[in-house]
Every structure is written in C-alpha cells, then in structure tokens.
C-alpha atoms as a PDB file:
ATOM      1  CA  MET A   1      -6.298 -27.266 -13.887  1.00  0.00           C
ATOM      2  CA  THR A   2      -6.626 -23.589 -12.990  1.00  0.00           C
ATOM      3  CA  LYS A   3      -9.759 -21.887 -14.209  1.00  0.00           C
ATOM      4  CA  THR A   4      -9.413 -18.642 -16.129  1.00  0.00           C
ATOM      5  CA  HIS A   5     -11.738 -15.694 -15.715  1.00  0.00           C
ATOM      6  CA  ASP A   6     -13.539 -16.807 -18.913  1.00  0.00           C
ATOM      7  CA  ASP A   7     -14.113 -20.283 -17.435  1.00  0.00           C
ATOM      8  CA  VAL A   8     -15.555 -18.797 -14.273  1.00  0.00           C
ATOM      9  CA  LEU A   9     -17.762 -16.270 -16.051  1.00  0.00           C
ATOM     10  CA  THR A  10     -18.953 -18.789 -18.646  1.00  0.00           C
ATOM     11  CA  GLY A  11     -20.094 -21.115 -15.883  1.00  0.00           C
ATOM     12  CA  LEU A  12     -22.213 -18.466 -14.192  1.00  0.00           C
ATOM     13  CA  ASP A  13     -25.840 -17.955 -15.076  1.00  0.00           C
ATOM     14  CA  PRO A  14     -26.577 -14.236 -14.564  1.00  0.00           C
ATOM     15  CA  ASP A  15     -30.186 -15.064 -13.638  1.00  0.00           C
ATOM     16  CA  ARG A  16     -29.104 -17.561 -10.956  1.00  0.00           C
ATOM     17  CA  LEU A  17     -26.038 -15.826  -9.527  1.00  0.00           C
ATOM     18  CA  ALA A  18     -27.226 -16.251  -5.967  1.00  0.00           C
ATOM     19  CA  PRO A  19     -29.616 -18.803  -4.504  1.00  0.00           C
ATOM     20  CA  SER A  20     -32.026 -16.028  -3.524  1.00  0.00           C
ATOM     21  CA  LYS A  21     -33.888 -13.777  -5.925  1.00  0.00           C
ATOM     22  CA  ALA A  22     -31.579 -10.914  -4.939  1.00  0.00           C
ATOM     23  CA  ASN A  23     -29.576  -9.444  -7.768  1.00  0.00           C
ATOM     24  CA  PRO A  24     -27.527  -6.735  -6.078  1.00  0.00           C
ATOM     25  CA  SER A  25     -26.158  -3.626  -7.670  1.00  0.00           C
ATOM     26  CA  VAL A  26     -22.536  -3.728  -8.707  1.00  0.00           C
ATOM     27  CA  ARG A  27     -21.788  -1.196  -5.957  1.00  0.00           C
ATOM     28  CA  ASP A  28     -22.549  -3.885  -3.354  1.00  0.00           C
ATOM     29  CA  VAL A  29     -20.165  -6.444  -4.853  1.00  0.00           C
ATOM     30  CA  MET A  30     -17.361  -4.424  -6.453  1.00  0.00           C
ATOM     31  CA  ARG A  31     -13.777  -4.025  -5.340  1.00  0.00           C
ATOM     32  CA  HIS A  32     -13.811  -0.581  -3.712  1.00  0.00           C
ATOM     33  CA  GLU A  33     -10.548   0.526  -5.246  1.00  0.00           C
ATOM     34  CA  VAL A  34      -9.444   1.099  -8.777  1.00  0.00           C
ATOM     35  CA  VAL A  35      -6.106  -0.474  -9.592  1.00  0.00           C
ATOM     36  CA  TYR A  36      -4.828   1.274 -12.701  1.00  0.00           C
ATOM     37  CA  CYS A  37      -1.821   2.329 -14.700  1.00  0.00           C
ATOM     38  CA  LEU A  38      -0.749   5.488 -16.458  1.00  0.00           C
ATOM     39  CA  PRO A  39       0.449   5.626 -20.064  1.00  0.00           C
ATOM     40  CA  SER A  40       4.003   6.036 -18.734  1.00  0.00           C
ATOM     41  CA  THR A  41       3.865   2.978 -16.462  1.00  0.00           C
ATOM     42  CA  PRO A  42       6.550   0.478 -17.548  1.00  0.00           C
ATOM     43  CA  VAL A  43       5.075  -2.822 -18.695  1.00  0.00           C
ATOM     44  CA  ASP A  44       6.993  -4.782 -16.053  1.00  0.00           C
ATOM     45  CA  ALA A  45       5.291  -2.671 -13.375  1.00  0.00           C
ATOM     46  CA  VAL A  46       1.924  -3.307 -15.079  1.00  0.00           C
ATOM     47  CA  ALA A  47       2.645  -7.048 -14.922  1.00  0.00           C
ATOM     48  CA  LYS A  48       3.338  -6.734 -11.190  1.00  0.00           C
ATOM     49  CA  LEU A  49       0.108  -4.784 -10.626  1.00  0.00           C
ATOM     50  CA  LEU A  50      -1.841  -7.449 -12.521  1.00  0.00           C
ATOM     51  CA  ALA A  51      -0.277 -10.262 -10.504  1.00  0.00           C
ATOM     52  CA  ASP A  52      -0.506  -8.535  -7.117  1.00  0.00           C
ATOM     53  CA  ASN A  53      -4.188  -7.739  -7.645  1.00  0.00           C
ATOM     54  CA  ASP A  54      -5.256 -10.987  -9.325  1.00  0.00           C
ATOM     55  CA  LEU A  55      -6.375  -9.213 -12.507  1.00  0.00           C
ATOM     56  CA  ASP A  56      -6.182 -10.070 -16.208  1.00  0.00           C
ATOM     57  CA  GLU A  57      -6.759  -6.490 -17.372  1.00  0.00           C
ATOM     58  CA  LEU A  58      -5.626  -3.174 -15.942  1.00  0.00           C
ATOM     59  CA  PRO A  59      -7.421   0.064 -16.791  1.00  0.00           C
ATOM     60  CA  MET A  60      -5.394   3.038 -17.901  1.00  0.00           C
ATOM     61  CA  ILE A  61      -6.536   6.289 -16.347  1.00  0.00           C
ATOM     62  CA  ILE A  62      -5.541   9.859 -17.148  1.00  0.00           C
ATOM     63  CA  ASP A  63      -6.979  12.724 -15.062  1.00  0.00           C
ATOM     64  CA  HIS A  64      -9.757  10.514 -13.617  1.00  0.00           C
ATOM     65  CA  LYS A  65     -10.797   9.433 -17.129  1.00  0.00           C
ATOM     66  CA  VAL A  66     -10.544   5.793 -18.177  1.00  0.00           C
ATOM     67  CA  VAL A  67      -8.865   5.828 -21.597  1.00  0.00           C
ATOM     68  CA  GLY A  68      -8.414   2.102 -22.166  1.00  0.00           C
ATOM     69  CA  TYR A  69      -6.781  -0.954 -20.669  1.00  0.00           C
ATOM     70  CA  VAL A  70      -3.749  -3.246 -20.838  1.00  0.00           C
ATOM     71  CA  THR A  71      -4.055  -7.038 -20.779  1.00  0.00           C
ATOM     72  CA  GLY A  72      -1.812  -9.639 -19.244  1.00  0.00           C
ATOM     73  CA  HIS A  73      -2.069 -11.562 -22.511  1.00  0.00           C
ATOM     74  CA  ASP A  74      -0.441  -8.680 -24.426  1.00  0.00           C
ATOM     75  CA  ILE A  75       2.370  -8.522 -21.879  1.00  0.00           C
ATOM     76  CA  LEU A  76       2.942 -12.285 -22.253  1.00  0.00           C
ATOM     77  CA  GLN A  77       3.108 -11.866 -26.032  1.00  0.00           C
ATOM     78  CA  CYS A  78       5.776  -9.169 -25.622  1.00  0.00           C
ATOM     79  CA  LEU A  79       7.667 -11.407 -23.233  1.00  0.00           C
ATOM     80  CA  ALA A  80       7.458 -14.396 -25.600  1.00  0.00           C
ATOM     81  CA  SER A  81       8.738 -12.288 -28.507  1.00  0.00           C
ATOM     82  CA  ASN A  82      11.616 -10.971 -26.359  1.00  0.00           C
ATOM     83  CA  ALA A  83      10.311  -7.408 -26.742  1.00  0.00           C
ATOM     84  CA  ILE A  84      10.496  -7.115 -22.955  1.00  0.00           C
ATOM     85  CA  SER A  85      12.052  -8.880 -20.022  1.00  0.00           C
ATOM     86  CA  ILE A  86      10.436  -8.750 -16.644  1.00  0.00           C
ATOM     87  CA  ALA A  87      12.855  -8.597 -13.747  1.00  0.00           C
ATOM     88  CA  GLY A  88      10.735  -7.178 -10.957  1.00  0.00           C
ATOM     89  CA  SER A  89      10.232  -3.431 -11.298  1.00  0.00           C
ATOM     90  CA  ASP A  90       7.696  -2.048  -8.858  1.00  0.00           C
ATOM     91  CA  PHE A  91       7.775   1.418 -10.420  1.00  0.00           C
ATOM     92  CA  ALA A  92       8.136   3.196  -7.073  1.00  0.00           C
ATOM     93  CA  VAL A  93      11.357   1.625  -5.819  1.00  0.00           C
ATOM     94  CA  ARG A  94      13.202  -0.142  -8.619  1.00  0.00           C
ATOM     95  CA  ALA A  95      13.866   1.241 -12.045  1.00  0.00           C
ATOM     96  CA  PRO A  96      11.927  -0.296 -14.924  1.00  0.00           C
ATOM     97  CA  THR A  97      13.730  -3.004 -16.874  1.00  0.00           C
ATOM     98  CA  THR A  98      12.035  -2.249 -20.165  1.00  0.00           C
ATOM     99  CA  ALA A  99      11.407   0.718 -22.409  1.00  0.00           C
ATOM    100  CA  VAL A 100       7.943  -0.640 -23.280  1.00  0.00           C
ATOM    101  CA  MET A 101       5.278   1.424 -21.551  1.00  0.00           C
ATOM    102  CA  ALA A 102       1.609   0.758 -20.871  1.00  0.00           C
ATOM    103  CA  ALA A 103       0.680   3.208 -23.639  1.00  0.00           C
ATOM    104  CA  ASP A 104       2.417   0.891 -26.133  1.00  0.00           C
ATOM    105  CA  LEU A 105      -0.071  -1.896 -25.311  1.00  0.00           C
ATOM    106  CA  LEU A 106      -3.191   0.228 -24.910  1.00  0.00           C
ATOM    107  CA  ARG A 107      -6.495  -1.331 -25.941  1.00  0.00           C
ATOM    108  CA  SER A 108      -9.677   0.647 -26.144  1.00  0.00           C
ATOM    109  CA  PRO A 109     -12.368   1.047 -25.025  1.00  0.00           C
ATOM    110  CA  ALA A 110     -12.327  -0.078 -21.433  1.00  0.00           C
ATOM    111  CA  LEU A 111     -15.537  -1.648 -20.160  1.00  0.00           C
ATOM    112  CA  LEU A 112     -17.319   0.909 -17.979  1.00  0.00           C
ATOM    113  CA  VAL A 113     -20.420   0.108 -15.940  1.00  0.00           C
ATOM    114  CA  ASP A 114     -22.584   2.238 -13.699  1.00  0.00           C
ATOM    115  CA  GLU A 115     -22.466   1.475  -9.973  1.00  0.00           C
ATOM    116  CA  LYS A 116     -26.260   1.098  -9.982  1.00  0.00           C
ATOM    117  CA  GLN A 117     -26.313  -1.629 -12.633  1.00  0.00           C
ATOM    118  CA  LEU A 118     -27.388  -5.065 -11.501  1.00  0.00           C
ATOM    119  CA  LEU A 119     -24.662  -7.630 -11.035  1.00  0.00           C
ATOM    120  CA  GLY A 120     -26.375 -10.124 -13.335  1.00  0.00           C
ATOM    121  CA  ASP A 121     -26.385  -7.605 -16.172  1.00  0.00           C
ATOM    122  CA  VAL A 122     -22.710  -6.813 -15.670  1.00  0.00           C
ATOM    123  CA  VAL A 123     -21.763 -10.511 -15.576  1.00  0.00           C
ATOM    124  CA  ALA A 124     -23.668 -10.992 -18.834  1.00  0.00           C
ATOM    125  CA  THR A 125     -21.829  -8.049 -20.399  1.00  0.00           C
ATOM    126  CA  LEU A 126     -18.446  -9.398 -19.255  1.00  0.00           C
ATOM    127  CA  GLN A 127     -19.320 -12.749 -20.833  1.00  0.00           C
ATOM    128  CA  GLN A 128     -20.633 -11.293 -24.079  1.00  0.00           C
ATOM    129  CA  GLN A 129     -17.626  -9.040 -24.567  1.00  0.00           C
ATOM    130  CA  HIS A 130     -15.080 -11.654 -23.396  1.00  0.00           C
ATOM    131  CA  ARG A 131     -13.727  -9.193 -20.889  1.00  0.00           C
ATOM    132  CA  ALA A 132     -12.081  -9.744 -17.526  1.00  0.00           C
ATOM    133  CA  VAL A 133     -12.637  -6.420 -15.760  1.00  0.00           C
ATOM    134  CA  ALA A 134     -15.271  -3.712 -15.697  1.00  0.00           C
ATOM    135  CA  VAL A 135     -14.512  -0.328 -14.187  1.00  0.00           C
ATOM    136  CA  VAL A 136     -17.395   0.812 -11.997  1.00  0.00           C
ATOM    137  CA  MET A 137     -18.324   4.445 -12.505  1.00  0.00           C
ATOM    138  CA  HIS A 138     -20.203   6.911 -10.329  1.00  0.00           C
ATOM    139  CA  GLU A 139     -22.831   9.093 -11.981  1.00  0.00           C
ATOM    140  CA  ASP A 140     -20.309  11.960 -12.135  1.00  0.00           C
ATOM    141  CA  GLU A 141     -18.152   9.767 -14.413  1.00  0.00           C
ATOM    142  CA  VAL A 142     -15.519   9.115 -11.753  1.00  0.00           C
ATOM    143  CA  PRO A 143     -14.203   5.553 -11.390  1.00  0.00           C
ATOM    144  CA  VAL A 144     -15.164   4.217  -7.935  1.00  0.00           C
ATOM    145  CA  GLY A 145     -14.348   0.512  -8.151  1.00  0.00           C
ATOM    146  CA  MET A 146     -13.813  -2.566 -10.262  1.00  0.00           C
ATOM    147  CA  ILE A 147     -15.602  -5.831 -10.845  1.00  0.00           C
ATOM    148  CA  SER A 148     -13.842  -8.974 -12.019  1.00  0.00           C
ATOM    149  CA  ALA A 149     -14.370 -12.709 -11.760  1.00  0.00           C
ATOM    150  CA  LYS A 150     -12.743 -12.573  -8.317  1.00  0.00           C
ATOM    151  CA  GLU A 151     -15.489 -10.366  -6.871  1.00  0.00           C
ATOM    152  CA  VAL A 152     -18.248 -12.319  -8.618  1.00  0.00           C
ATOM    153  CA  VAL A 153     -16.922 -15.612  -7.269  1.00  0.00           C
ATOM    154  CA  ALA A 154     -16.538 -14.178  -3.744  1.00  0.00           C
ATOM    155  CA  PHE A 155     -20.115 -12.885  -3.837  1.00  0.00           C
ATOM    156  CA  THR A 156     -21.453 -16.189  -5.148  1.00  0.00           C
ATOM    157  CA  ALA A 157     -19.542 -18.202  -2.552  1.00  0.00           C
ATOM    158  CA  ALA A 158     -20.819 -15.949   0.244  1.00  0.00           C
ATOM    159  CA  ALA A 159     -24.392 -16.268  -1.043  1.00  0.00           C
ATOM    160  CA  VAL A 160     -24.143 -20.054  -1.304  1.00  0.00           C
ATOM    161  CA  ASN A 161     -22.720 -20.250   2.219  1.00  0.00           C
ATOM    162  CA  GLY A 162     -25.470 -17.958   3.511  1.00  0.00           C
ATOM    163  CA  GLU A 163     -22.978 -15.321   4.611  1.00  0.00           C
ATOM    164  CA  GLY A 164     -24.341 -12.412   2.609  1.00  0.00           C
ATOM    165  CA  ARG A 165     -22.195  -9.331   2.159  1.00  0.00           C
END
C-alpha cells in the first residue's frame, strides 16, 4: 500500500524528527525551487507538474505573490466527472486538451512559512491544517522554496542514516 502525504506526516513526531536534538530551519531542508502554476495554466498541465514533481498541491503565483493553490484531488474530481480529459499537455510544447484552467480550481489561502521557521513547527502546521505543501518565503515576501512530505522524509532518512544534509 502506498503511503499518502497525510500518512507520512501523521507518523512523524515534530519533536523527534531527527535522532539528534537538532531541529533545523526550513531553509536547510526545503526544495530550493518553487514549482507553480499561473491562473491560465491548463489543468492537464497542472496535473503533469504535480506528477513530475511528486506533489499533491501546486501553488499559484502571480507577480511573485502566492495567491492560492490547486490540488491533485480537485483535478481527479474533474476527471471523474468528465469535466476534463487529460491527454498529456505539457503547456510549452503541446496544446492543452481542456478549457479548464488552474484559476477554475483555485483554493485559498496557500500555506506560507518563513525560511527561518523550525522544521518541527512547519511539520506540525502541515499536519494540523491537513496540507501537503508549504511555500517557503524569504523575509521580503518572495517565495524561495517549498517543503512537502518528500523533503521531510528525505531529511529524516538522512538523519537516521547519519548522513546529515
């Protein structure tokens, strides 16, 4: 059985994330890129971005401002209701196969965390809010990275194996 991001995050104790007493800042663990969509991104391209980047949520950004997010669950609901069909658009090369755009599935607000926050606090927030992704922000309110279950698990595995980051 494949674990979902909720399963992974639920099983983590924010106070015992690593075997040492270290509780690093999110900046030290985050994905140092922000994968995002625009309001005009076709939903099939959003689905591809989610799959290619192993994400369950994709932030929507306009002019360096995070305005919300789109979930894979919402895309699956559209697919199940035949509102869209996904045939492999990659937005840059192939034309979209649907008229449904990311803006049509926008949820708000996105979860924003400061790059200086401690990882344990962010994991707790992800758990409490049942969220899959937090966008990491610099003090000048510019998105600088992302944190998801994938990064948390990679950090935990490295700590358990004594590899550090």
